[in-house]
Amino acid sequence: ISRFSSLISLFPDTRFHALVDSEKAVSLLTNELTSRGQSAGGFVDIDAGMRRTGVPMEKAAAVYRSLSSSNALSVSGLHVYDGHNTQQDPEERQAACDLCYHRVEELKRDLEERGLQVPHMIFGGTPTFACYAGIPDTDLSPGTAVLYDWGYSERYPDLPFEPAALVLGRVIY
């Protein structure tokens, strides 16, 4: 958190956003930023099923309410990483993404009915970002697509990418 705050100090003309996955994270960030007279945006990071990052869907509304009451973090929206959706078949992958999107859309409607704004929704990992590309008012997070690796090109031939680089190395014991 202190490194995040230091970046804000180093680049005062840049708007920073943090991912939060608990009320404790909101509190710690708020305290640090407030003590330094700073502010940032905040996205609630949703665990869509991978169980690696984010808050479980059923606890997300509480974290969102906590974020909306912060005096140093402004609500940016919802961030959803669905790294568990690794279906090789494009139709199966799309169906899984549709289910994920509809669950998050329900959460968004619930938050808005409680008077909370959800300015942005960010979806996707490397294999799934194309599934969300046609949804209006949705931002994409393509993961490793910038430096696409050979494994992805073999596993997901439906995605039109080429590996970005070749790295050769030697391991010596």
C-alpha atoms as a PDB file:
ATOM      1  CA  ILE A   1       0.000   0.000   0.000  1.00  0.00           C
ATOM      2  CA  SER A   2       2.844   2.383   0.743  1.00  0.00           C
ATOM      3  CA  ARG A   3       4.378   1.612  -2.676  1.00  0.00           C
ATOM      4  CA  PHE A   4       1.025   2.390  -4.317  1.00  0.00           C
ATOM      5  CA  SER A   5       0.929   5.696  -2.452  1.00  0.00           C
ATOM      6  CA  SER A   6       4.518   6.409  -3.493  1.00  0.00           C
ATOM      7  CA  LEU A   7       3.577   5.910  -7.151  1.00  0.00           C
ATOM      8  CA  ILE A   8       0.757   8.400  -6.743  1.00  0.00           C
ATOM      9  CA  SER A   9       3.287  10.894  -5.359  1.00  0.00           C
ATOM     10  CA  LEU A  10       5.731  10.266  -8.204  1.00  0.00           C
ATOM     11  CA  PHE A  11       3.089  10.728 -10.909  1.00  0.00           C
ATOM     12  CA  PRO A  12       0.631  13.342  -9.620  1.00  0.00           C
ATOM     13  CA  ASP A  13      -0.954  13.909 -13.042  1.00  0.00           C
ATOM     14  CA  THR A  14      -1.891  10.232 -13.402  1.00  0.00           C
ATOM     15  CA  ARG A  15      -5.181   8.786 -12.164  1.00  0.00           C
ATOM     16  CA  PHE A  16      -4.535   5.547 -10.251  1.00  0.00           C
ATOM     17  CA  HIS A  17      -7.004   2.779  -9.463  1.00  0.00           C
ATOM     18  CA  ALA A  18      -6.652  -0.034  -6.949  1.00  0.00           C
ATOM     19  CA  LEU A  19      -8.330  -3.421  -6.863  1.00  0.00           C
ATOM     20  CA  VAL A  20      -9.862  -4.197  -3.479  1.00  0.00           C
ATOM     21  CA  ASP A  21     -11.202  -7.531  -2.312  1.00  0.00           C
ATOM     22  CA  SER A  22     -12.115  -6.905   1.325  1.00  0.00           C
ATOM     23  CA  GLU A  23     -13.347  -4.224   3.661  1.00  0.00           C
ATOM     24  CA  LYS A  24      -9.946  -4.406   5.373  1.00  0.00           C
ATOM     25  CA  ALA A  25      -8.195  -3.556   2.090  1.00  0.00           C
ATOM     26  CA  VAL A  26     -10.499  -0.564   1.651  1.00  0.00           C
ATOM     27  CA  SER A  27      -9.736   0.590   5.189  1.00  0.00           C
ATOM     28  CA  LEU A  28      -5.953   0.188   4.845  1.00  0.00           C
ATOM     29  CA  LEU A  29      -5.867   2.003   1.508  1.00  0.00           C
ATOM     30  CA  THR A  30      -8.135   4.760   2.781  1.00  0.00           C
ATOM     31  CA  ASN A  31      -5.972   5.313   5.862  1.00  0.00           C
ATOM     32  CA  GLU A  32      -2.731   5.465   3.842  1.00  0.00           C
ATOM     33  CA  LEU A  33      -4.103   7.765   1.150  1.00  0.00           C
ATOM     34  CA  THR A  34      -5.841  10.041   3.652  1.00  0.00           C
ATOM     35  CA  SER A  35      -2.660  10.400   5.714  1.00  0.00           C
ATOM     36  CA  ARG A  36      -0.817  11.565   2.593  1.00  0.00           C
ATOM     37  CA  GLY A  37      -3.598  13.776   1.225  1.00  0.00           C
ATOM     38  CA  GLN A  38      -4.082  11.519  -1.792  1.00  0.00           C
ATOM     39  CA  SER A  39      -6.957   9.897  -3.606  1.00  0.00           C
ATOM     40  CA  ALA A  40      -7.427   7.105  -6.124  1.00  0.00           C
ATOM     41  CA  GLY A  41     -10.139   5.103  -7.790  1.00  0.00           C
ATOM     42  CA  GLY A  42     -11.132   1.677  -6.569  1.00  0.00           C
ATOM     43  CA  PHE A  43     -12.498  -1.399  -8.302  1.00  0.00           C
ATOM     44  CA  VAL A  44     -13.981  -4.261  -6.328  1.00  0.00           C
ATOM     45  CA  ASP A  45     -12.219  -7.379  -7.570  1.00  0.00           C
ATOM     46  CA  ILE A  46     -14.731 -10.234  -7.962  1.00  0.00           C
ATOM     47  CA  ASP A  47     -13.793 -13.899  -7.653  1.00  0.00           C
ATOM     48  CA  ALA A  48     -15.780 -15.321 -10.546  1.00  0.00           C
ATOM     49  CA  GLY A  49     -14.801 -18.902  -9.754  1.00  0.00           C
ATOM     50  CA  MET A  50     -11.050 -19.304 -10.019  1.00  0.00           C
ATOM     51  CA  ARG A  51     -10.550 -18.775  -6.299  1.00  0.00           C
ATOM     52  CA  ARG A  52      -7.213 -17.051  -6.815  1.00  0.00           C
ATOM     53  CA  THR A  53      -8.073 -13.359  -6.475  1.00  0.00           C
ATOM     54  CA  GLY A  54     -11.074 -11.299  -5.543  1.00  0.00           C
ATOM     55  CA  VAL A  55     -13.952 -11.358  -3.143  1.00  0.00           C
ATOM     56  CA  PRO A  56     -16.587 -14.099  -3.472  1.00  0.00           C
ATOM     57  CA  MET A  57     -19.685 -12.873  -5.290  1.00  0.00           C
ATOM     58  CA  GLU A  58     -21.887 -13.180  -2.195  1.00  0.00           C
ATOM     59  CA  LYS A  59     -19.611 -10.806  -0.221  1.00  0.00           C
ATOM     60  CA  ALA A  60     -18.978  -8.300  -3.001  1.00  0.00           C
ATOM     61  CA  ALA A  61     -21.854  -5.944  -2.154  1.00  0.00           C
ATOM     62  CA  ALA A  62     -20.501  -5.373   1.366  1.00  0.00           C
ATOM     63  CA  VAL A  63     -17.040  -4.539   0.014  1.00  0.00           C
ATOM     64  CA  TYR A  64     -18.608  -2.248  -2.581  1.00  0.00           C
ATOM     65  CA  ARG A  65     -20.563  -0.389   0.119  1.00  0.00           C
ATOM     66  CA  SER A  66     -17.347  -0.002   2.121  1.00  0.00           C
ATOM     67  CA  LEU A  67     -15.545   1.359  -0.941  1.00  0.00           C
ATOM     68  CA  SER A  68     -18.377   3.811  -1.633  1.00  0.00           C
ATOM     69  CA  SER A  69     -18.029   5.271   1.867  1.00  0.00           C
ATOM     70  CA  SER A  70     -14.264   5.852   1.605  1.00  0.00           C
ATOM     71  CA  ASN A  71     -13.110   9.459   1.688  1.00  0.00           C
ATOM     72  CA  ALA A  72      -9.928   8.694  -0.288  1.00  0.00           C
ATOM     73  CA  LEU A  73     -11.112   6.070  -2.796  1.00  0.00           C
ATOM     74  CA  SER A  74     -13.758   6.833  -5.380  1.00  0.00           C
ATOM     75  CA  VAL A  75     -15.830   3.999  -6.766  1.00  0.00           C
ATOM     76  CA  SER A  76     -14.567   2.952 -10.185  1.00  0.00           C
ATOM     77  CA  GLY A  77     -16.662  -0.194 -10.585  1.00  0.00           C
ATOM     78  CA  LEU A  78     -16.244  -3.956 -10.746  1.00  0.00           C
ATOM     79  CA  HIS A  79     -13.262  -5.982 -11.958  1.00  0.00           C
ATOM     80  CA  VAL A  80     -13.823  -9.616 -12.900  1.00  0.00           C
ATOM     81  CA  TYR A  81     -11.024 -12.029 -13.706  1.00  0.00           C
ATOM     82  CA  ASP A  82     -12.360 -15.370 -14.912  1.00  0.00           C
ATOM     83  CA  GLY A  83      -9.133 -17.318 -15.292  1.00  0.00           C
ATOM     84  CA  HIS A  84     -10.944 -20.581 -14.587  1.00  0.00           C
ATOM     85  CA  ASN A  85     -12.754 -20.319 -17.933  1.00  0.00           C
ATOM     86  CA  THR A  86     -10.187 -22.149 -20.025  1.00  0.00           C
ATOM     87  CA  GLN A  87     -12.514 -24.174 -22.234  1.00  0.00           C
ATOM     88  CA  GLN A  88     -10.826 -24.958 -25.532  1.00  0.00           C
ATOM     89  CA  ASP A  89     -14.114 -25.125 -27.393  1.00  0.00           C
ATOM     90  CA  PRO A  90     -15.074 -21.498 -28.235  1.00  0.00           C
ATOM     91  CA  GLU A  91     -18.811 -22.136 -27.769  1.00  0.00           C
ATOM     92  CA  GLU A  92     -18.302 -23.698 -24.332  1.00  0.00           C
ATOM     93  CA  ARG A  93     -16.024 -20.800 -23.355  1.00  0.00           C
ATOM     94  CA  GLN A  94     -18.625 -18.271 -24.536  1.00  0.00           C
ATOM     95  CA  ALA A  95     -21.372 -20.013 -22.543  1.00  0.00           C
ATOM     96  CA  ALA A  96     -19.219 -19.901 -19.400  1.00  0.00           C
ATOM     97  CA  CYS A  97     -18.485 -16.212 -19.964  1.00  0.00           C
ATOM     98  CA  ASP A  98     -22.165 -15.455 -20.534  1.00  0.00           C
ATOM     99  CA  LEU A  99     -22.992 -17.067 -17.183  1.00  0.00           C
ATOM    100  CA  CYS A 100     -20.255 -15.055 -15.460  1.00  0.00           C
ATOM    101  CA  TYR A 101     -21.414 -11.817 -17.071  1.00  0.00           C
ATOM    102  CA  HIS A 102     -25.046 -12.359 -16.065  1.00  0.00           C
ATOM    103  CA  ARG A 103     -24.065 -13.033 -12.433  1.00  0.00           C
ATOM    104  CA  VAL A 104     -22.059  -9.796 -12.313  1.00  0.00           C
ATOM    105  CA  GLU A 105     -24.835  -7.895 -14.093  1.00  0.00           C
ATOM    106  CA  GLU A 106     -27.213  -9.037 -11.305  1.00  0.00           C
ATOM    107  CA  LEU A 107     -24.772  -7.710  -8.715  1.00  0.00           C
ATOM    108  CA  LYS A 108     -24.563  -4.410 -10.598  1.00  0.00           C
ATOM    109  CA  ARG A 109     -28.369  -4.094 -10.675  1.00  0.00           C
ATOM    110  CA  ASP A 110     -28.524  -4.860  -6.944  1.00  0.00           C
ATOM    111  CA  LEU A 111     -25.915  -2.199  -6.165  1.00  0.00           C
ATOM    112  CA  GLU A 112     -27.678   0.380  -8.340  1.00  0.00           C
ATOM    113  CA  GLU A 113     -31.012  -0.387  -6.668  1.00  0.00           C
ATOM    114  CA  ARG A 114     -29.287   0.466  -3.370  1.00  0.00           C
ATOM    115  CA  GLY A 115     -28.292   3.836  -4.815  1.00  0.00           C
ATOM    116  CA  LEU A 116     -24.670   2.954  -5.622  1.00  0.00           C
ATOM    117  CA  GLN A 117     -23.190   3.780  -9.008  1.00  0.00           C
ATOM    118  CA  VAL A 118     -21.185   1.211 -10.986  1.00  0.00           C
ATOM    119  CA  PRO A 119     -19.311   3.340 -13.522  1.00  0.00           C
ATOM    120  CA  HIS A 120     -17.255   0.565 -15.116  1.00  0.00           C
ATOM    121  CA  MET A 121     -17.191  -3.208 -15.400  1.00  0.00           C
ATOM    122  CA  ILE A 122     -13.954  -4.877 -16.491  1.00  0.00           C
ATOM    123  CA  PHE A 123     -14.009  -8.503 -17.665  1.00  0.00           C
ATOM    124  CA  GLY A 124     -11.774 -11.174 -19.062  1.00  0.00           C
ATOM    125  CA  GLY A 125      -8.495 -12.961 -19.039  1.00  0.00           C
ATOM    126  CA  THR A 126      -6.448 -14.023 -22.013  1.00  0.00           C
ATOM    127  CA  PRO A 127      -8.710 -16.817 -23.310  1.00  0.00           C
ATOM    128  CA  THR A 128     -11.980 -15.033 -22.476  1.00  0.00           C
ATOM    129  CA  PHE A 129     -11.621 -11.351 -23.254  1.00  0.00           C
ATOM    130  CA  ALA A 130     -12.892 -11.887 -26.799  1.00  0.00           C
ATOM    131  CA  CYS A 131     -16.099 -13.334 -25.317  1.00  0.00           C
ATOM    132  CA  TYR A 132     -16.834  -9.971 -23.680  1.00  0.00           C
ATOM    133  CA  ALA A 133     -15.647  -7.770 -26.551  1.00  0.00           C
ATOM    134  CA  GLY A 134     -19.125  -7.290 -28.032  1.00  0.00           C
ATOM    135  CA  ILE A 135     -20.828  -6.244 -24.799  1.00  0.00           C
ATOM    136  CA  PRO A 136     -21.507  -2.495 -24.707  1.00  0.00           C
ATOM    137  CA  ASP A 137     -20.222  -0.469 -21.756  1.00  0.00           C
ATOM    138  CA  THR A 138     -17.782  -3.190 -20.752  1.00  0.00           C
ATOM    139  CA  ASP A 139     -14.043  -2.727 -20.501  1.00  0.00           C
ATOM    140  CA  LEU A 140     -11.677  -5.569 -21.323  1.00  0.00           C
ATOM    141  CA  SER A 141      -8.691  -6.992 -19.487  1.00  0.00           C
ATOM    142  CA  PRO A 142      -6.950  -9.319 -21.920  1.00  0.00           C
ATOM    143  CA  GLY A 143      -4.256 -10.524 -19.529  1.00  0.00           C
ATOM    144  CA  THR A 144      -1.208 -11.824 -21.353  1.00  0.00           C
ATOM    145  CA  ALA A 145      -2.458 -11.034 -24.856  1.00  0.00           C
ATOM    146  CA  VAL A 146       0.124  -8.262 -25.138  1.00  0.00           C
ATOM    147  CA  LEU A 147       2.928 -10.831 -24.855  1.00  0.00           C
ATOM    148  CA  TYR A 148       1.005 -13.824 -26.100  1.00  0.00           C
ATOM    149  CA  ASP A 149       2.839 -17.096 -25.539  1.00  0.00           C
ATOM    150  CA  TRP A 150       3.101 -20.234 -27.636  1.00  0.00           C
ATOM    151  CA  GLY A 151       0.938 -22.282 -25.253  1.00  0.00           C
ATOM    152  CA  TYR A 152      -2.047 -19.982 -25.749  1.00  0.00           C
ATOM    153  CA  SER A 153      -1.695 -20.076 -29.529  1.00  0.00           C
ATOM    154  CA  GLU A 154      -1.733 -23.881 -29.408  1.00  0.00           C
ATOM    155  CA  ARG A 155      -4.592 -24.163 -26.916  1.00  0.00           C
ATOM    156  CA  TYR A 156      -6.823 -21.422 -28.388  1.00  0.00           C
ATOM    157  CA  PRO A 157      -6.442 -21.423 -32.157  1.00  0.00           C
ATOM    158  CA  ASP A 158      -9.706 -19.456 -32.446  1.00  0.00           C
ATOM    159  CA  LEU A 159      -7.958 -16.372 -31.032  1.00  0.00           C
ATOM    160  CA  PRO A 160      -6.066 -14.502 -33.752  1.00  0.00           C
ATOM    161  CA  PHE A 161      -2.732 -13.962 -32.040  1.00  0.00           C
ATOM    162  CA  GLU A 162       0.840 -14.817 -32.777  1.00  0.00           C
ATOM    163  CA  PRO A 163       3.473 -15.386 -30.091  1.00  0.00           C
ATOM    164  CA  ALA A 164       5.193 -12.117 -29.240  1.00  0.00           C
ATOM    165  CA  ALA A 165       8.713 -13.402 -28.692  1.00  0.00           C
ATOM    166  CA  LEU A 166      10.914 -16.416 -28.431  1.00  0.00           C
ATOM    167  CA  VAL A 167      13.025 -16.879 -25.340  1.00  0.00           C
ATOM    168  CA  LEU A 168      15.842 -19.391 -25.280  1.00  0.00           C
ATOM    169  CA  GLY A 169      17.668 -20.295 -22.125  1.00  0.00           C
ATOM    170  CA  ARG A 170      19.805 -22.909 -20.443  1.00  0.00           C
ATOM    171  CA  VAL A 171      19.566 -24.250 -16.910  1.00  0.00           C
ATOM    172  CA  ILE A 172      22.848 -25.297 -15.361  1.00  0.00           C
ATOM    173  CA  TYR A 173      22.829 -27.297 -12.143  1.00  0.00           C
END
